[in-house]
Amino acid sequence: MTFATGFICHRLEDWYAKGVQIDRHILSLCTYVGHTKVTDTYWYLTATPELLALAAQRFTRFRHGLS
């Protein structure tokens, strides 16, 4: 895992754990790492077990209306 990939994945893991709305903050992360397009930031995402588990938990809460 490169530094950029690790940084972006860890930031998203932290945001998921804190309940941050990713879609509201991904552009600031994109800008912080020097990308001009959010798709450039998504390119660095890696499906780490931790990130997938946090995303699954959030989806389950959403699906059951727990937001």
C-alpha atoms as a PDB file:
ATOM      1  CA  MET A   1       0.000   0.000   0.000  1.00  0.00           C
ATOM      2  CA  THR A   2       1.438   3.379  -0.960  1.00  0.00           C
ATOM      3  CA  PHE A   3       1.489   6.360   1.369  1.00  0.00           C
ATOM      4  CA  ALA A   4      -1.348   8.067  -0.545  1.00  0.00           C
ATOM      5  CA  THR A   5      -3.489   4.933  -0.556  1.00  0.00           C
ATOM      6  CA  GLY A   6      -2.894   4.367   3.148  1.00  0.00           C
ATOM      7  CA  PHE A   7      -3.610   7.981   4.027  1.00  0.00           C
ATOM      8  CA  ILE A   8      -6.885   8.086   2.081  1.00  0.00           C
ATOM      9  CA  CYS A   9      -8.082   4.696   3.370  1.00  0.00           C
ATOM     10  CA  HIS A  10      -7.225   5.523   6.978  1.00  0.00           C
ATOM     11  CA  ARG A  11      -8.974   8.887   6.720  1.00  0.00           C
ATOM     12  CA  LEU A  12     -12.135   7.195   5.446  1.00  0.00           C
ATOM     13  CA  GLU A  13     -11.918   4.527   8.160  1.00  0.00           C
ATOM     14  CA  ASP A  14     -11.669   7.290  10.757  1.00  0.00           C
ATOM     15  CA  TRP A  15     -14.615   9.164   9.268  1.00  0.00           C
ATOM     16  CA  TYR A  16     -16.766   6.029   9.134  1.00  0.00           C
ATOM     17  CA  ALA A  17     -15.916   5.229  12.756  1.00  0.00           C
ATOM     18  CA  LYS A  18     -16.896   8.762  13.798  1.00  0.00           C
ATOM     19  CA  GLY A  19     -20.135   8.696  11.776  1.00  0.00           C
ATOM     20  CA  VAL A  20     -19.009  11.462   9.427  1.00  0.00           C
ATOM     21  CA  GLN A  21     -21.038  11.819   6.236  1.00  0.00           C
ATOM     22  CA  ILE A  22     -18.427  10.811   3.685  1.00  0.00           C
ATOM     23  CA  ASP A  23     -20.194  12.415   0.735  1.00  0.00           C
ATOM     24  CA  ARG A  24     -20.001  15.802   2.474  1.00  0.00           C
ATOM     25  CA  HIS A  25     -16.263  15.576   3.151  1.00  0.00           C
ATOM     26  CA  ILE A  26     -14.751  13.616   0.277  1.00  0.00           C
ATOM     27  CA  LEU A  27     -14.167  16.770  -1.758  1.00  0.00           C
ATOM     28  CA  SER A  28     -12.102  18.308   1.040  1.00  0.00           C
ATOM     29  CA  LEU A  29     -10.015  15.119   1.195  1.00  0.00           C
ATOM     30  CA  CYS A  30      -9.634  15.250  -2.577  1.00  0.00           C
ATOM     31  CA  THR A  31      -8.403  18.829  -2.398  1.00  0.00           C
ATOM     32  CA  TYR A  32      -6.110  18.103   0.556  1.00  0.00           C
ATOM     33  CA  VAL A  33      -4.253  15.375  -1.331  1.00  0.00           C
ATOM     34  CA  GLY A  34      -3.945  17.625  -4.382  1.00  0.00           C
ATOM     35  CA  HIS A  35      -6.487  16.051  -6.692  1.00  0.00           C
ATOM     36  CA  THR A  36      -8.647  18.165  -8.962  1.00  0.00           C
ATOM     37  CA  LYS A  37     -11.278  15.465  -9.475  1.00  0.00           C
ATOM     38  CA  VAL A  38     -12.871  13.279  -6.817  1.00  0.00           C
ATOM     39  CA  THR A  39     -12.502  10.298  -9.151  1.00  0.00           C
ATOM     40  CA  ASP A  40      -8.735  10.675  -8.809  1.00  0.00           C
ATOM     41  CA  THR A  41      -9.108  10.216  -5.046  1.00  0.00           C
ATOM     42  CA  TYR A  42     -11.430   7.224  -5.433  1.00  0.00           C
ATOM     43  CA  TRP A  43      -8.712   5.606  -7.545  1.00  0.00           C
ATOM     44  CA  TYR A  44      -6.586   5.255  -4.393  1.00  0.00           C
ATOM     45  CA  LEU A  45      -9.250   3.500  -2.344  1.00  0.00           C
ATOM     46  CA  THR A  46      -8.445  -0.043  -1.377  1.00  0.00           C
ATOM     47  CA  ALA A  47     -11.013  -2.433   0.020  1.00  0.00           C
ATOM     48  CA  THR A  48      -9.344  -2.978   3.366  1.00  0.00           C
ATOM     49  CA  PRO A  49     -11.152  -5.329   5.751  1.00  0.00           C
ATOM     50  CA  GLU A  50     -11.578  -2.469   8.233  1.00  0.00           C
ATOM     51  CA  LEU A  51     -13.037  -0.102   5.645  1.00  0.00           C
ATOM     52  CA  LEU A  52     -15.402  -2.758   4.295  1.00  0.00           C
ATOM     53  CA  ALA A  53     -16.610  -3.647   7.797  1.00  0.00           C
ATOM     54  CA  LEU A  54     -17.320   0.000   8.649  1.00  0.00           C
ATOM     55  CA  ALA A  55     -19.118   0.561   5.333  1.00  0.00           C
ATOM     56  CA  ALA A  56     -21.220  -2.575   5.908  1.00  0.00           C
ATOM     57  CA  GLN A  57     -22.193  -1.407   9.405  1.00  0.00           C
ATOM     58  CA  ARG A  58     -23.211   1.978   8.083  1.00  0.00           C
ATOM     59  CA  PHE A  59     -25.242   0.405   5.269  1.00  0.00           C
ATOM     60  CA  THR A  60     -27.014  -1.915   7.723  1.00  0.00           C
ATOM     61  CA  ARG A  61     -27.985   1.043   9.933  1.00  0.00           C
ATOM     62  CA  PHE A  62     -29.200   2.936   6.848  1.00  0.00           C
ATOM     63  CA  ARG A  63     -31.190  -0.047   5.600  1.00  0.00           C
ATOM     64  CA  HIS A  64     -32.951  -0.380   8.958  1.00  0.00           C
ATOM     65  CA  GLY A  65     -33.688   3.347   9.126  1.00  0.00           C
ATOM     66  CA  LEU A  66     -31.247   4.033  11.924  1.00  0.00           C
ATOM     67  CA  SER A  67     -29.299   6.595   9.875  1.00  0.00           C
END
